[in-house]
Amino acid sequence: MARRGKSAMDADSARRFILATVHKETAQLLKAVEEICRRYPPSDDLNFVRYLLRMIVLETDRADL
């Protein structure tokens, strides 16, 4: 049993884990949104969501993983 207050991973490992997870999940959402944008008429709201997802994917990809 782990002691309370004792982390299973250090801060740097936790940061890399979070960035990798966010990158992976956001990239999958971006693929889905891009597919919807190709199949259906343009939507300003959906284009904005696509833009935001792209920015997140780019920033998490550039981070020191």
N, C-alpha and C. Protein backbone atom coordinates (compact mmCIF):
# COMPACT_ATOMS: atom_id res chain seq x y z
N MET A 1 0.85 -1.18 0.00
CA MET A 1 0.00 0.00 0.00
C MET A 1 0.89 1.24 0.00
N ALA A 2 0.59 2.16 -0.88
CA ALA A 2 1.38 3.39 -0.99
C ALA A 2 1.05 4.32 0.16
N ARG A 3 2.08 5.01 0.61
CA ARG A 3 1.86 5.97 1.68
C ARG A 3 1.16 7.20 1.15
N ARG A 4 0.38 7.80 2.00
CA ARG A 4 -0.34 9.01 1.62
C ARG A 4 0.63 10.15 1.40
N GLY A 5 0.42 10.92 0.34
CA GLY A 5 1.27 12.04 0.04
C GLY A 5 2.51 11.67 -0.76
N LYS A 6 2.76 10.41 -0.93
CA LYS A 6 3.92 9.95 -1.69
C LYS A 6 3.46 9.63 -3.11
N SER A 7 4.02 10.31 -4.08
CA SER A 7 3.62 10.13 -5.46
C SER A 7 4.31 8.90 -6.06
N ALA A 8 3.62 8.20 -6.94
CA ALA A 8 4.18 7.03 -7.61
C ALA A 8 5.18 7.45 -8.69
N MET A 9 5.10 8.70 -9.16
CA MET A 9 6.04 9.19 -10.16
C MET A 9 6.47 10.60 -9.79
N ASP A 10 7.63 10.99 -10.27
CA ASP A 10 8.11 12.34 -9.96
C ASP A 10 7.39 13.37 -10.84
N ALA A 11 7.63 14.62 -10.55
CA ALA A 11 6.92 15.71 -11.23
C ALA A 11 7.20 15.71 -12.74
N ASP A 12 8.44 15.46 -13.13
CA ASP A 12 8.79 15.47 -14.55
C ASP A 12 8.10 14.32 -15.30
N SER A 13 8.06 13.16 -14.68
CA SER A 13 7.37 12.01 -15.30
C SER A 13 5.88 12.27 -15.42
N ALA A 14 5.30 12.88 -14.39
CA ALA A 14 3.87 13.19 -14.42
C ALA A 14 3.57 14.19 -15.53
N ARG A 15 4.44 15.20 -15.68
CA ARG A 15 4.25 16.20 -16.74
C ARG A 15 4.30 15.55 -18.11
N ARG A 16 5.29 14.70 -18.34
CA ARG A 16 5.41 14.02 -19.64
C ARG A 16 4.20 13.12 -19.90
N PHE A 17 3.73 12.43 -18.87
CA PHE A 17 2.56 11.56 -19.00
C PHE A 17 1.33 12.37 -19.40
N ILE A 18 1.11 13.49 -18.73
CA ILE A 18 -0.05 14.34 -19.02
C ILE A 18 0.03 14.89 -20.44
N LEU A 19 1.20 15.41 -20.84
CA LEU A 19 1.34 15.96 -22.18
C LEU A 19 1.16 14.89 -23.25
N ALA A 20 1.69 13.71 -23.03
CA ALA A 20 1.53 12.63 -24.00
C ALA A 20 0.07 12.20 -24.11
N THR A 21 -0.61 12.14 -22.97
CA THR A 21 -2.02 11.75 -22.97
C THR A 21 -2.88 12.80 -23.67
N VAL A 22 -2.66 14.07 -23.35
CA VAL A 22 -3.41 15.15 -23.98
C VAL A 22 -3.16 15.16 -25.48
N HIS A 23 -1.89 14.98 -25.88
CA HIS A 23 -1.55 14.96 -27.30
C HIS A 23 -2.29 13.84 -28.03
N LYS A 24 -2.23 12.66 -27.47
CA LYS A 24 -2.86 11.49 -28.11
C LYS A 24 -4.38 11.66 -28.24
N GLU A 25 -5.03 12.04 -27.16
CA GLU A 25 -6.49 12.19 -27.17
C GLU A 25 -6.93 13.34 -28.07
N THR A 26 -6.20 14.44 -28.04
CA THR A 26 -6.55 15.59 -28.88
C THR A 26 -6.35 15.27 -30.35
N ALA A 27 -5.30 14.54 -30.67
CA ALA A 27 -5.06 14.15 -32.07
C ALA A 27 -6.21 13.28 -32.58
N GLN A 28 -6.72 12.41 -31.74
CA GLN A 28 -7.85 11.57 -32.15
C GLN A 28 -9.11 12.41 -32.36
N LEU A 29 -9.36 13.37 -31.47
CA LEU A 29 -10.51 14.27 -31.65
C LEU A 29 -10.35 15.10 -32.92
N LEU A 30 -9.15 15.56 -33.18
CA LEU A 30 -8.90 16.35 -34.38
C LEU A 30 -9.20 15.55 -35.64
N LYS A 31 -8.80 14.29 -35.67
CA LYS A 31 -9.11 13.44 -36.83
C LYS A 31 -10.61 13.33 -37.05
N ALA A 32 -11.35 13.15 -35.96
CA ALA A 32 -12.81 13.03 -36.07
C ALA A 32 -13.42 14.34 -36.58
N VAL A 33 -12.98 15.46 -36.04
CA VAL A 33 -13.52 16.76 -36.46
C VAL A 33 -13.16 17.04 -37.92
N GLU A 34 -11.95 16.72 -38.33
CA GLU A 34 -11.56 16.93 -39.72
C GLU A 34 -12.40 16.08 -40.68
N GLU A 35 -12.71 14.87 -40.28
CA GLU A 35 -13.56 14.01 -41.11
C GLU A 35 -14.96 14.61 -41.24
N ILE A 36 -15.50 15.11 -40.16
CA ILE A 36 -16.83 15.73 -40.19
C ILE A 36 -16.79 16.97 -41.08
N CYS A 37 -15.72 17.75 -40.98
CA CYS A 37 -15.60 18.96 -41.81
C CYS A 37 -15.54 18.62 -43.29
N ARG A 38 -14.94 17.48 -43.63
CA ARG A 38 -14.87 17.06 -45.05
C ARG A 38 -16.23 16.58 -45.56
N ARG A 39 -17.00 15.95 -44.71
CA ARG A 39 -18.26 15.34 -45.16
C ARG A 39 -19.45 16.28 -45.18
N TYR A 40 -19.45 17.29 -44.32
CA TYR A 40 -20.63 18.15 -44.17
C TYR A 40 -20.30 19.59 -44.51
N PRO A 41 -21.34 20.39 -44.72
CA PRO A 41 -21.13 21.81 -45.06
C PRO A 41 -20.31 22.52 -43.97
N PRO A 42 -19.59 23.56 -44.37
CA PRO A 42 -18.75 24.29 -43.42
C PRO A 42 -19.55 24.87 -42.25
N SER A 43 -18.94 24.85 -41.11
CA SER A 43 -19.54 25.41 -39.91
C SER A 43 -18.47 26.24 -39.21
N ASP A 44 -18.77 27.51 -38.93
CA ASP A 44 -17.80 28.36 -38.26
C ASP A 44 -17.42 27.81 -36.89
N ASP A 45 -18.40 27.28 -36.18
CA ASP A 45 -18.13 26.73 -34.86
C ASP A 45 -17.20 25.52 -34.96
N LEU A 46 -17.47 24.65 -35.89
CA LEU A 46 -16.65 23.46 -36.04
C LEU A 46 -15.25 23.81 -36.55
N ASN A 47 -15.16 24.79 -37.43
CA ASN A 47 -13.84 25.23 -37.88
C ASN A 47 -13.03 25.83 -36.73
N PHE A 48 -13.69 26.53 -35.83
CA PHE A 48 -13.00 27.08 -34.66
C PHE A 48 -12.52 25.97 -33.74
N VAL A 49 -13.34 24.96 -33.52
CA VAL A 49 -12.95 23.81 -32.70
C VAL A 49 -11.75 23.11 -33.35
N ARG A 50 -11.79 22.95 -34.65
CA ARG A 50 -10.68 22.32 -35.38
C ARG A 50 -9.40 23.13 -35.20
N TYR A 51 -9.51 24.45 -35.29
CA TYR A 51 -8.35 25.32 -35.08
C TYR A 51 -7.77 25.14 -33.68
N LEU A 52 -8.63 25.14 -32.67
CA LEU A 52 -8.16 24.97 -31.29
C LEU A 52 -7.50 23.61 -31.08
N LEU A 53 -8.09 22.56 -31.63
CA LEU A 53 -7.51 21.23 -31.50
C LEU A 53 -6.14 21.17 -32.17
N ARG A 54 -6.02 21.80 -33.34
CA ARG A 54 -4.72 21.82 -34.03
C ARG A 54 -3.66 22.51 -33.17
N MET A 55 -4.04 23.63 -32.54
CA MET A 55 -3.09 24.35 -31.69
C MET A 55 -2.64 23.49 -30.51
N ILE A 56 -3.56 22.77 -29.91
CA ILE A 56 -3.22 21.89 -28.79
C ILE A 56 -2.29 20.77 -29.24
N VAL A 57 -2.59 20.17 -30.37
CA VAL A 57 -1.75 19.08 -30.89
C VAL A 57 -0.35 19.61 -31.18
N LEU A 58 -0.25 20.77 -31.82
CA LEU A 58 1.06 21.35 -32.12
C LEU A 58 1.86 21.66 -30.85
N GLU A 59 1.21 22.26 -29.87
CA GLU A 59 1.91 22.64 -28.64
C GLU A 59 2.33 21.43 -27.82
N THR A 60 1.50 20.42 -27.76
CA THR A 60 1.89 19.23 -26.99
C THR A 60 2.92 18.41 -27.71
N ASP A 61 2.99 18.54 -29.03
CA ASP A 61 4.00 17.84 -29.81
C ASP A 61 5.36 18.50 -29.63
N ARG A 62 5.39 19.81 -29.50
CA ARG A 62 6.63 20.57 -29.32
C ARG A 62 7.19 20.46 -27.92
N ALA A 63 6.34 20.13 -26.97
CA ALA A 63 6.79 20.06 -25.56
C ALA A 63 7.86 18.99 -25.40
N ASP A 64 8.69 19.18 -24.43
CA ASP A 64 9.77 18.22 -24.16
C ASP A 64 9.19 16.94 -23.59
N LEU A 65 8.89 16.00 -24.46
CA LEU A 65 8.34 14.72 -24.01
C LEU A 65 9.45 13.81 -23.77
